[in-house]
Amino acid sequence: MTPVVLWQKSSFSQGEDAPNCVEVAARQDLGVLLLRESDEPGTVLKATGAGLAALIRHIRLS
């Protein structure tokens, strides 16, 4: 049985139905975080918590 993935929108998204939202979900069975854009829900990126933190730090410093 495939686990249910519960997506959560970023707190920076503009409203409930905003077209350009970043969504995140945790897959504890795989030990990864999943990331996607709401306008392309079929494209999913996998990251570790440490990897995502490093990406966010890099973006903030850019």
PDB file of N, CA and C in Angstrom:
ATOM      1  N   MET A   1       0.836  -1.185   0.000  1.00  0.00           N
ATOM      2  CA  MET A   1       0.000   0.000   0.000  1.00  0.00           C
ATOM      3  C   MET A   1       0.882   1.250   0.000  1.00  0.00           C
ATOM      4  N   THR A   2       0.573   2.179  -0.892  1.00  0.00           N
ATOM      5  CA  THR A   2       1.310   3.434  -0.985  1.00  0.00           C
ATOM      6  C   THR A   2       0.863   4.373   0.130  1.00  0.00           C
ATOM      7  N   PRO A   3       1.825   4.922   0.905  1.00  0.00           N
ATOM      8  CA  PRO A   3       1.461   5.853   1.977  1.00  0.00           C
ATOM      9  C   PRO A   3       0.805   7.121   1.417  1.00  0.00           C
ATOM     10  N   VAL A   4      -0.095   7.684   2.183  1.00  0.00           N
ATOM     11  CA  VAL A   4      -0.740   8.940   1.819  1.00  0.00           C
ATOM     12  C   VAL A   4       0.246  10.074   2.081  1.00  0.00           C
ATOM     13  N   VAL A   5       0.394  10.947   1.108  1.00  0.00           N
ATOM     14  CA  VAL A   5       1.285  12.102   1.252  1.00  0.00           C
ATOM     15  C   VAL A   5       0.419  13.327   1.495  1.00  0.00           C
ATOM     16  N   LEU A   6       0.635  13.984   2.616  1.00  0.00           N
ATOM     17  CA  LEU A   6      -0.125  15.184   2.975  1.00  0.00           C
ATOM     18  C   LEU A   6       0.728  16.408   2.682  1.00  0.00           C
ATOM     19  N   TRP A   7       0.318  17.164   1.672  1.00  0.00           N
ATOM     20  CA  TRP A   7       1.051  18.354   1.256  1.00  0.00           C
ATOM     21  C   TRP A   7       0.635  19.551   2.094  1.00  0.00           C
ATOM     22  N   GLN A   8       1.613  20.372   2.444  1.00  0.00           N
ATOM     23  CA  GLN A   8       1.371  21.592   3.212  1.00  0.00           C
ATOM     24  C   GLN A   8       1.934  22.771   2.422  1.00  0.00           C
ATOM     25  N   LYS A   9       1.125  23.816   2.250  1.00  0.00           N
ATOM     26  CA  LYS A   9       1.573  24.999   1.520  1.00  0.00           C
ATOM     27  C   LYS A   9       2.490  25.849   2.382  1.00  0.00           C
ATOM     28  N   SER A  10       3.413  26.510   1.738  1.00  0.00           N
ATOM     29  CA  SER A  10       4.311  27.430   2.415  1.00  0.00           C
ATOM     30  C   SER A  10       3.522  28.564   3.055  1.00  0.00           C
ATOM     31  N   SER A  11       3.984  29.011   4.184  1.00  0.00           N
ATOM     32  CA  SER A  11       3.337  30.145   4.853  1.00  0.00           C
ATOM     33  C   SER A  11       3.535  31.433   4.061  1.00  0.00           C
ATOM     34  N   PHE A  12       4.436  31.440   3.075  1.00  0.00           N
ATOM     35  CA  PHE A  12       4.669  32.611   2.235  1.00  0.00           C
ATOM     36  C   PHE A  12       3.734  32.663   1.036  1.00  0.00           C
ATOM     37  N   SER A  13       2.912  31.628   0.830  1.00  0.00           N
ATOM     38  CA  SER A  13       1.979  31.602  -0.295  1.00  0.00           C
ATOM     39  C   SER A  13       0.891  32.649  -0.088  1.00  0.00           C
ATOM     40  N   GLN A  14       0.420  33.199  -1.176  1.00  0.00           N
ATOM     41  CA  GLN A  14      -0.581  34.261  -1.130  1.00  0.00           C
ATOM     42  C   GLN A  14      -1.984  33.675  -1.191  1.00  0.00           C
ATOM     43  N   GLY A  15      -2.569  33.347  -0.078  1.00  0.00           N
ATOM     44  CA  GLY A  15      -3.948  32.864  -0.050  1.00  0.00           C
ATOM     45  C   GLY A  15      -4.074  31.376  -0.296  1.00  0.00           C
ATOM     46  N   GLU A  16      -5.244  30.855  -0.069  1.00  0.00           N
ATOM     47  CA  GLU A  16      -5.521  29.431  -0.145  1.00  0.00           C
ATOM     48  C   GLU A  16      -5.380  28.874  -1.556  1.00  0.00           C
ATOM     49  N   ASP A  17      -5.808  29.628  -2.577  1.00  0.00           N
ATOM     50  CA  ASP A  17      -5.795  29.126  -3.951  1.00  0.00           C
ATOM     51  C   ASP A  17      -4.778  29.845  -4.830  1.00  0.00           C
ATOM     52  N   ALA A  18      -3.710  30.330  -4.236  1.00  0.00           N
ATOM     53  CA  ALA A  18      -2.688  31.038  -5.011  1.00  0.00           C
ATOM     54  C   ALA A  18      -2.088  30.092  -6.049  1.00  0.00           C
ATOM     55  N   PRO A  19      -1.823  30.570  -7.270  1.00  0.00           N
ATOM     56  CA  PRO A  19      -1.364  29.693  -8.334  1.00  0.00           C
ATOM     57  C   PRO A  19       0.101  29.276  -8.226  1.00  0.00           C
ATOM     58  N   ASN A  20       0.917  30.020  -7.517  1.00  0.00           N
ATOM     59  CA  ASN A  20       2.344  29.722  -7.448  1.00  0.00           C
ATOM     60  C   ASN A  20       2.769  29.458  -6.007  1.00  0.00           C
ATOM     61  N   CYS A  21       2.415  28.304  -5.507  1.00  0.00           N
ATOM     62  CA  CYS A  21       2.715  27.957  -4.119  1.00  0.00           C
ATOM     63  C   CYS A  21       3.747  26.842  -4.063  1.00  0.00           C
ATOM     64  N   VAL A  22       4.660  26.953  -3.141  1.00  0.00           N
ATOM     65  CA  VAL A  22       5.571  25.858  -2.849  1.00  0.00           C
ATOM     66  C   VAL A  22       4.899  25.007  -1.782  1.00  0.00           C
ATOM     67  N   GLU A  23       4.901  23.696  -2.007  1.00  0.00           N
ATOM     68  CA  GLU A  23       4.294  22.772  -1.057  1.00  0.00           C
ATOM     69  C   GLU A  23       5.349  21.777  -0.594  1.00  0.00           C
ATOM     70  N   VAL A  24       5.232  21.337   0.639  1.00  0.00           N
ATOM     71  CA  VAL A  24       6.182  20.393   1.210  1.00  0.00           C
ATOM     72  C   VAL A  24       5.422  19.272   1.906  1.00  0.00           C
ATOM     73  N   ALA A  25       6.008  18.094   1.875  1.00  0.00           N
ATOM     74  CA  ALA A  25       5.448  16.940   2.573  1.00  0.00           C
ATOM     75  C   ALA A  25       6.606  16.109   3.116  1.00  0.00           C
ATOM     76  N   ALA A  26       6.392  15.448   4.228  1.00  0.00           N
ATOM     77  CA  ALA A  26       7.415  14.584   4.816  1.00  0.00           C
ATOM     78  C   ALA A  26       7.067  13.127   4.541  1.00  0.00           C
ATOM     79  N   ARG A  27       8.044  12.366   4.079  1.00  0.00           N
ATOM     80  CA  ARG A  27       7.884  10.920   3.913  1.00  0.00           C
ATOM     81  C   ARG A  27       8.825  10.270   4.920  1.00  0.00           C
ATOM     82  N   GLN A  28       8.309  10.047   6.105  1.00  0.00           N
ATOM     83  CA  GLN A  28       9.135   9.488   7.163  1.00  0.00           C
ATOM     84  C   GLN A  28       9.590   8.076   6.841  1.00  0.00           C
ATOM     85  N   ASP A  29       8.780   7.339   6.072  1.00  0.00           N
ATOM     86  CA  ASP A  29       9.176   5.982   5.707  1.00  0.00           C
ATOM     87  C   ASP A  29      10.409   5.973   4.800  1.00  0.00           C
ATOM     88  N   LEU A  30      10.623   7.049   4.035  1.00  0.00           N
ATOM     89  CA  LEU A  30      11.790   7.179   3.169  1.00  0.00           C
ATOM     90  C   LEU A  30      12.860   8.069   3.775  1.00  0.00           C
ATOM     91  N   GLY A  31      12.517   8.816   4.820  1.00  0.00           N
ATOM     92  CA  GLY A  31      13.455   9.740   5.451  1.00  0.00           C
ATOM     93  C   GLY A  31      13.759  10.953   4.595  1.00  0.00           C
ATOM     94  N   VAL A  32      12.777  11.407   3.808  1.00  0.00           N
ATOM     95  CA  VAL A  32      12.991  12.552   2.932  1.00  0.00           C
ATOM     96  C   VAL A  32      11.845  13.545   3.038  1.00  0.00           C
ATOM     97  N   LEU A  33      12.110  14.750   2.565  1.00  0.00           N
ATOM     98  CA  LEU A  33      11.084  15.767   2.381  1.00  0.00           C
ATOM     99  C   LEU A  33      10.786  15.848   0.890  1.00  0.00           C
ATOM    100  N   LEU A  34       9.544  16.069   0.556  1.00  0.00           N
ATOM    101  CA  LEU A  34       9.136  16.215  -0.830  1.00  0.00           C
ATOM    102  C   LEU A  34       8.740  17.663  -1.065  1.00  0.00           C
ATOM    103  N   LEU A  35       9.146  18.205  -2.202  1.00  0.00           N
ATOM    104  CA  LEU A  35       8.837  19.593  -2.560  1.00  0.00           C
ATOM    105  C   LEU A  35       8.212  19.624  -3.940  1.00  0.00           C
ATOM    106  N   ARG A  36       7.226  20.509  -4.121  1.00  0.00           N
ATOM    107  CA  ARG A  36       6.623  20.694  -5.437  1.00  0.00           C
ATOM    108  C   ARG A  36       6.025  22.086  -5.525  1.00  0.00           C
ATOM    109  N   GLU A  37       5.766  22.524  -6.755  1.00  0.00           N
ATOM    110  CA  GLU A  37       5.021  23.758  -7.004  1.00  0.00           C
ATOM    111  C   GLU A  37       3.581  23.369  -7.258  1.00  0.00           C
ATOM    112  N   SER A  38       2.653  24.164  -6.758  1.00  0.00           N
ATOM    113  CA  SER A  38       1.241  23.814  -6.898  1.00  0.00           C
ATOM    114  C   SER A  38       0.783  23.803  -8.350  1.00  0.00           C
ATOM    115  N   ASP A  39       1.422  24.591  -9.216  1.00  0.00           N
ATOM    116  CA  ASP A  39       0.997  24.602 -10.611  1.00  0.00           C
ATOM    117  C   ASP A  39       1.584  23.448 -11.424  1.00  0.00           C
ATOM    118  N   GLU A  40       2.527  22.678 -10.841  1.00  0.00           N
ATOM    119  CA  GLU A  40       3.070  21.479 -11.478  1.00  0.00           C
ATOM    120  C   GLU A  40       3.175  20.365 -10.436  1.00  0.00           C
ATOM    121  N   PRO A  41       2.051  19.856  -9.954  1.00  0.00           N
ATOM    122  CA  PRO A  41       2.072  18.884  -8.859  1.00  0.00           C
ATOM    123  C   PRO A  41       2.703  17.541  -9.209  1.00  0.00           C
ATOM    124  N   GLY A  42       2.880  17.258 -10.482  1.00  0.00           N
ATOM    125  CA  GLY A  42       3.494  15.996 -10.879  1.00  0.00           C
ATOM    126  C   GLY A  42       5.008  16.003 -10.795  1.00  0.00           C
ATOM    127  N   THR A  43       5.608  17.182 -10.688  1.00  0.00           N
ATOM    128  CA  THR A  43       7.061  17.301 -10.573  1.00  0.00           C
ATOM    129  C   THR A  43       7.408  17.445  -9.103  1.00  0.00           C
ATOM    130  N   VAL A  44       8.057  16.424  -8.556  1.00  0.00           N
ATOM    131  CA  VAL A  44       8.352  16.387  -7.120  1.00  0.00           C
ATOM    132  C   VAL A  44       9.852  16.225  -6.922  1.00  0.00           C
ATOM    133  N   LEU A  45      10.421  17.060  -6.066  1.00  0.00           N
ATOM    134  CA  LEU A  45      11.827  16.965  -5.693  1.00  0.00           C
ATOM    135  C   LEU A  45      11.941  16.322  -4.322  1.00  0.00           C
ATOM    136  N   LYS A  46      12.959  15.505  -4.135  1.00  0.00           N
ATOM    137  CA  LYS A  46      13.224  14.888  -2.833  1.00  0.00           C
ATOM    138  C   LYS A  46      14.453  15.541  -2.221  1.00  0.00           C
ATOM    139  N   ALA A  47      14.409  15.764  -0.909  1.00  0.00           N
ATOM    140  CA  ALA A  47      15.544  16.366  -0.213  1.00  0.00           C
ATOM    141  C   ALA A  47      15.580  15.859   1.218  1.00  0.00           C
ATOM    142  N   THR A  48      16.761  15.847   1.784  1.00  0.00           N
ATOM    143  CA  THR A  48      16.883  15.581   3.212  1.00  0.00           C
ATOM    144  C   THR A  48      16.639  16.895   3.948  1.00  0.00           C
ATOM    145  N   GLY A  49      16.402  16.821   5.227  1.00  0.00           N
ATOM    146  CA  GLY A  49      16.235  18.040   6.014  1.00  0.00           C
ATOM    147  C   GLY A  49      17.472  18.915   5.947  1.00  0.00           C
ATOM    148  N   ALA A  50      18.637  18.302   6.046  1.00  0.00           N
ATOM    149  CA  ALA A  50      19.890  19.059   5.990  1.00  0.00           C
ATOM    150  C   ALA A  50      20.094  19.665   4.603  1.00  0.00           C
ATOM    151  N   GLY A  51      19.751  18.929   3.562  1.00  0.00           N
ATOM    152  CA  GLY A  51      19.894  19.439   2.205  1.00  0.00           C
ATOM    153  C   GLY A  51      18.986  20.620   1.940  1.00  0.00           C
ATOM    154  N   LEU A  52      17.732  20.533   2.410  1.00  0.00           N
ATOM    155  CA  LEU A  52      16.798  21.639   2.236  1.00  0.00           C
ATOM    156  C   LEU A  52      17.252  22.868   3.023  1.00  0.00           C
ATOM    157  N   ALA A  53      17.743  22.663   4.231  1.00  0.00           N
ATOM    158  CA  ALA A  53      18.246  23.781   5.045  1.00  0.00           C
ATOM    159  C   ALA A  53      19.412  24.472   4.345  1.00  0.00           C
ATOM    160  N   ALA A  54      20.318  23.685   3.741  1.00  0.00           N
ATOM    161  CA  ALA A  54      21.457  24.259   3.023  1.00  0.00           C
ATOM    162  C   ALA A  54      20.992  25.049   1.812  1.00  0.00           C
ATOM    163  N   LEU A  55      19.993  24.544   1.086  1.00  0.00           N
ATOM    164  CA  LEU A  55      19.445  25.269  -0.068  1.00  0.00           C
ATOM    165  C   LEU A  55      18.835  26.610   0.360  1.00  0.00           C
ATOM    166  N   ILE A  56      18.071  26.594   1.426  1.00  0.00           N
ATOM    167  CA  ILE A  56      17.441  27.829   1.914  1.00  0.00           C
ATOM    168  C   ILE A  56      18.492  28.838   2.347  1.00  0.00           C
ATOM    169  N   ARG A  57      19.536  28.379   3.052  1.00  0.00           N
ATOM    170  CA  ARG A  57      20.633  29.273   3.448  1.00  0.00           C
ATOM    171  C   ARG A  57      21.299  29.886   2.219  1.00  0.00           C
ATOM    172  N   HIS A  58      21.547  29.081   1.212  1.00  0.00           N
ATOM    173  CA  HIS A  58      22.182  29.558  -0.013  1.00  0.00           C
ATOM    174  C   HIS A  58      21.312  30.604  -0.709  1.00  0.00           C
ATOM    175  N   ILE A  59      20.028  30.353  -0.803  1.00  0.00           N
ATOM    176  CA  ILE A  59      19.108  31.295  -1.446  1.00  0.00           C
ATOM    177  C   ILE A  59      19.068  32.609  -0.686  1.00  0.00           C
ATOM    178  N   ARG A  60      19.031  32.536   0.622  1.00  0.00           N
ATOM    179  CA  ARG A  60      18.979  33.762   1.437  1.00  0.00           C
ATOM    180  C   ARG A  60      20.231  34.601   1.278  1.00  0.00           C
ATOM    181  N   LEU A  61      21.364  33.959   1.079  1.00  0.00           N
ATOM    182  CA  LEU A  61      22.628  34.672   0.953  1.00  0.00           C
ATOM    183  C   LEU A  61      22.855  35.192  -0.461  1.00  0.00           C
ATOM    184  N   SER A  62      22.093  34.723  -1.408  1.00  0.00           N
ATOM    185  CA  SER A  62      22.276  35.141  -2.815  1.00  0.00           C
ATOM    186  C   SER A  62      21.674  36.483  -3.080  1.00  0.00           C
TER     187      SER A  62
END
